Amino acid sequence: MPEAMKDPAFQQRLRETFRVEAMKHRRAISEGLFALEKSDELKEHQANVETIFRETHTLKGAARLVGEEDAEALCQTLEHRLGGLKQAQEKVPAGTIAELHAELTQLSALLRMGVEASQSGNERSPSAVADVAAVRGPAGAGLVRVPGARLDALLVHAEEMLTAKLTGA
């Protein structure tokens, strides 16, 4: 590892840059999914899948660079699914788009937890990651304990997605 990468001040600047860039990529992925829902033409579907794939790939590399292993792994999963969709010569089914939205919600929560952890100087605990996984769990799975701050972050993201969908963005 280069010496500069070991410098705590450099790592902090790198993480701050990552936070800004990660939110831009997350927003672009979200916009791409909404465009995918609205597109009727196969060419539009393919172009939207390609755009989402590129954004996910870039975010995966950035997450790897700053040591966001959970975000990197989820991006890898998304990238793999999108790669399969790129190969298909058909429109993406609505159910698959809904699943991609759910995975993006999980990724957003992971990114927000990373921001919260770095701002407080703490690392994410395994239980915090489990909270996110529980949010993604099957419907009707019973009560799940989720810290209020994480629930607020998920609700804000859901509102952003609903607003974008209703306004046609």
Protein backbone atom coordinates (compact mmCIF):
# COMPACT_ATOMS: atom_id res chain seq x y z
CA MET A 1 0.00 0.00 0.00
CA PRO A 2 1.45 3.42 -0.93
CA GLU A 3 2.52 5.53 2.04
CA ALA A 4 -0.04 8.25 1.27
CA MET A 5 -2.85 5.69 1.64
CA LYS A 6 -1.75 5.08 5.26
CA ASP A 7 -2.03 8.76 6.20
CA PRO A 8 -5.19 9.26 8.35
CA ALA A 9 -5.79 12.78 6.98
CA PHE A 10 -5.61 11.49 3.41
CA GLN A 11 -7.95 8.61 4.25
CA GLN A 12 -10.43 11.06 5.78
CA ARG A 13 -10.38 13.26 2.65
CA LEU A 14 -10.78 10.17 0.50
CA ARG A 15 -13.80 9.02 2.54
CA GLU A 16 -15.37 12.49 2.34
CA THR A 17 -14.96 12.48 -1.42
CA PHE A 18 -16.39 8.97 -1.55
CA ARG A 19 -19.49 10.03 0.42
CA VAL A 20 -20.26 12.80 -2.07
CA GLU A 21 -19.58 10.63 -5.12
CA ALA A 22 -21.48 7.65 -3.70
CA MET A 23 -24.62 9.71 -3.28
CA LYS A 24 -24.33 10.96 -6.87
CA HIS A 25 -23.96 7.41 -8.17
CA ARG A 26 -26.82 6.19 -5.97
CA ARG A 27 -29.05 8.94 -7.33
CA ALA A 28 -28.05 8.12 -10.93
CA ILE A 29 -28.83 4.44 -10.33
CA SER A 30 -32.21 5.37 -8.86
CA GLU A 31 -33.00 7.65 -11.80
CA GLY A 32 -31.95 4.87 -14.17
CA LEU A 33 -34.32 2.42 -12.49
CA PHE A 34 -37.20 4.87 -12.78
CA ALA A 35 -36.35 5.45 -16.44
CA LEU A 36 -36.27 1.68 -16.90
CA GLU A 37 -39.78 1.43 -15.46
CA LYS A 38 -41.08 4.09 -17.85
CA SER A 39 -39.37 2.98 -21.04
CA ASP A 40 -41.41 1.01 -23.52
CA GLU A 41 -38.82 0.38 -26.20
CA LEU A 42 -36.26 -2.43 -26.01
CA LYS A 43 -33.45 -0.04 -27.03
CA GLU A 44 -34.38 2.29 -24.16
CA HIS A 45 -34.36 -0.64 -21.73
CA GLN A 46 -30.94 -1.72 -22.92
CA ALA A 47 -29.55 1.82 -22.69
CA ASN A 48 -30.95 2.25 -19.17
CA VAL A 49 -29.55 -1.10 -18.02
CA GLU A 50 -26.15 -0.14 -19.44
CA THR A 51 -26.22 3.21 -17.62
CA ILE A 52 -27.22 1.59 -14.32
CA PHE A 53 -24.52 -1.05 -14.81
CA ARG A 54 -21.80 1.59 -15.37
CA GLU A 55 -22.87 3.62 -12.33
CA THR A 56 -22.92 0.49 -10.18
CA HIS A 57 -19.50 -0.58 -11.45
CA THR A 58 -18.00 2.83 -10.69
CA LEU A 59 -19.54 2.88 -7.22
CA LYS A 60 -18.21 -0.63 -6.56
CA GLY A 61 -14.67 0.47 -7.40
CA ALA A 62 -14.94 3.56 -5.21
CA ALA A 63 -16.29 1.50 -2.31
CA ARG A 64 -13.37 -0.91 -2.68
CA LEU A 65 -10.90 1.97 -2.64
CA VAL A 66 -12.16 3.32 0.70
CA GLY A 67 -12.72 -0.08 2.31
CA GLU A 68 -16.54 -0.07 2.25
CA GLU A 69 -16.66 -3.85 1.91
CA ASP A 70 -20.41 -4.23 2.50
CA ALA A 71 -21.25 -1.61 -0.13
CA GLU A 72 -18.71 -3.14 -2.52
CA ALA A 73 -20.24 -6.60 -2.10
CA LEU A 74 -23.77 -5.33 -2.70
CA CYS A 75 -22.59 -3.41 -5.78
CA GLN A 76 -20.96 -6.63 -7.02
CA THR A 77 -24.29 -8.44 -6.62
CA LEU A 78 -26.14 -5.67 -8.45
CA GLU A 79 -23.50 -5.58 -11.17
CA HIS A 80 -23.79 -9.33 -11.69
CA ARG A 81 -27.58 -9.13 -12.01
CA LEU A 82 -27.33 -6.16 -14.37
CA GLY A 83 -24.75 -8.00 -16.45
CA GLY A 84 -27.27 -10.80 -16.97
CA LEU A 85 -29.93 -8.26 -17.91
CA LYS A 86 -27.55 -6.68 -20.43
CA GLN A 87 -27.18 -10.04 -22.16
CA ALA A 88 -30.94 -10.60 -22.38
CA GLN A 89 -32.52 -9.30 -25.53
CA GLU A 90 -35.81 -8.48 -23.83
CA LYS A 91 -37.36 -5.85 -21.61
CA VAL A 92 -36.67 -6.10 -17.89
CA PRO A 93 -39.71 -7.51 -16.06
CA ALA A 94 -41.41 -5.22 -13.52
CA GLY A 95 -40.70 -7.70 -10.71
CA THR A 96 -36.98 -7.58 -11.44
CA ILE A 97 -37.04 -3.78 -11.43
CA ALA A 98 -38.76 -3.89 -8.02
CA GLU A 99 -36.03 -6.22 -6.73
CA LEU A 100 -33.35 -3.85 -8.04
CA HIS A 101 -35.09 -0.97 -6.23
CA ALA A 102 -35.02 -3.02 -3.00
CA GLU A 103 -31.31 -3.73 -3.43
CA LEU A 104 -30.67 -0.04 -4.10
CA THR A 105 -32.54 0.80 -0.89
CA GLN A 106 -30.26 -1.58 0.99
CA LEU A 107 -27.21 -0.03 -0.65
CA SER A 108 -28.43 3.46 0.27
CA ALA A 109 -28.84 2.39 3.88
CA LEU A 110 -25.32 0.95 3.92
CA LEU A 111 -23.91 4.16 2.48
CA ARG A 112 -25.79 6.26 5.02
CA MET A 113 -24.54 4.06 7.86
CA GLY A 114 -21.02 4.53 6.56
CA VAL A 115 -21.51 8.30 6.61
CA GLU A 116 -22.91 8.19 10.15
CA ALA A 117 -20.09 5.95 11.34
CA SER A 118 -17.35 8.10 9.84
CA GLN A 119 -18.91 11.28 11.21
CA SER A 120 -19.07 9.81 14.70
CA GLY A 121 -15.63 8.20 14.39
CA ASN A 122 -17.08 4.72 14.92
CA GLU A 123 -17.07 1.70 12.70
CA ARG A 124 -20.31 0.00 11.73
CA SER A 125 -21.13 -2.81 14.06
CA PRO A 126 -22.24 -6.22 12.78
CA SER A 127 -25.65 -5.54 14.32
CA ALA A 128 -25.99 -2.36 12.24
CA VAL A 129 -25.43 -4.35 9.06
CA ALA A 130 -27.92 -6.96 10.30
CA ASP A 131 -30.50 -4.19 10.74
CA VAL A 132 -30.20 -3.34 7.06
CA ALA A 133 -30.51 -7.00 6.08
CA ALA A 134 -33.62 -7.28 8.23
CA VAL A 135 -35.19 -4.31 6.45
CA ARG A 136 -34.74 -6.21 3.20
CA GLY A 137 -36.26 -9.38 4.68
CA PRO A 138 -39.49 -10.95 3.45
CA ALA A 139 -42.79 -9.22 4.12
CA GLY A 140 -44.66 -10.49 7.14
CA ALA A 141 -41.48 -11.70 8.80
CA GLY A 142 -42.59 -10.22 12.11
CA LEU A 143 -41.21 -7.38 14.18
CA VAL A 144 -37.74 -6.13 13.40
CA ARG A 145 -35.79 -3.77 15.62
CA VAL A 146 -34.21 -0.97 13.63
CA PRO A 147 -32.52 2.07 15.19
CA GLY A 148 -34.51 5.25 14.63
CA ALA A 149 -31.74 7.02 12.71
CA ARG A 150 -31.54 4.20 10.19
CA LEU A 151 -35.30 4.04 9.83
CA ASP A 152 -35.38 7.81 9.25
CA ALA A 153 -32.73 7.46 6.53
CA LEU A 154 -34.74 4.73 4.81
CA LEU A 155 -37.92 6.77 5.00
CA VAL A 156 -36.17 9.81 3.49
CA HIS A 157 -34.92 7.65 0.64
CA ALA A 158 -38.37 6.16 0.09
CA GLU A 159 -39.84 9.66 -0.03
CA GLU A 160 -37.20 10.70 -2.59
CA MET A 161 -38.08 7.72 -4.75
CA LEU A 162 -41.81 8.36 -4.48
CA THR A 163 -41.37 12.03 -5.30
CA ALA A 164 -39.23 11.19 -8.32
CA LYS A 165 -41.77 8.65 -9.51
CA LEU A 166 -44.73 10.98 -9.08
CA THR A 167 -43.03 13.93 -10.77
CA GLY A 168 -41.86 11.81 -13.66
CA ALA A 169 -38.17 12.51 -12.97
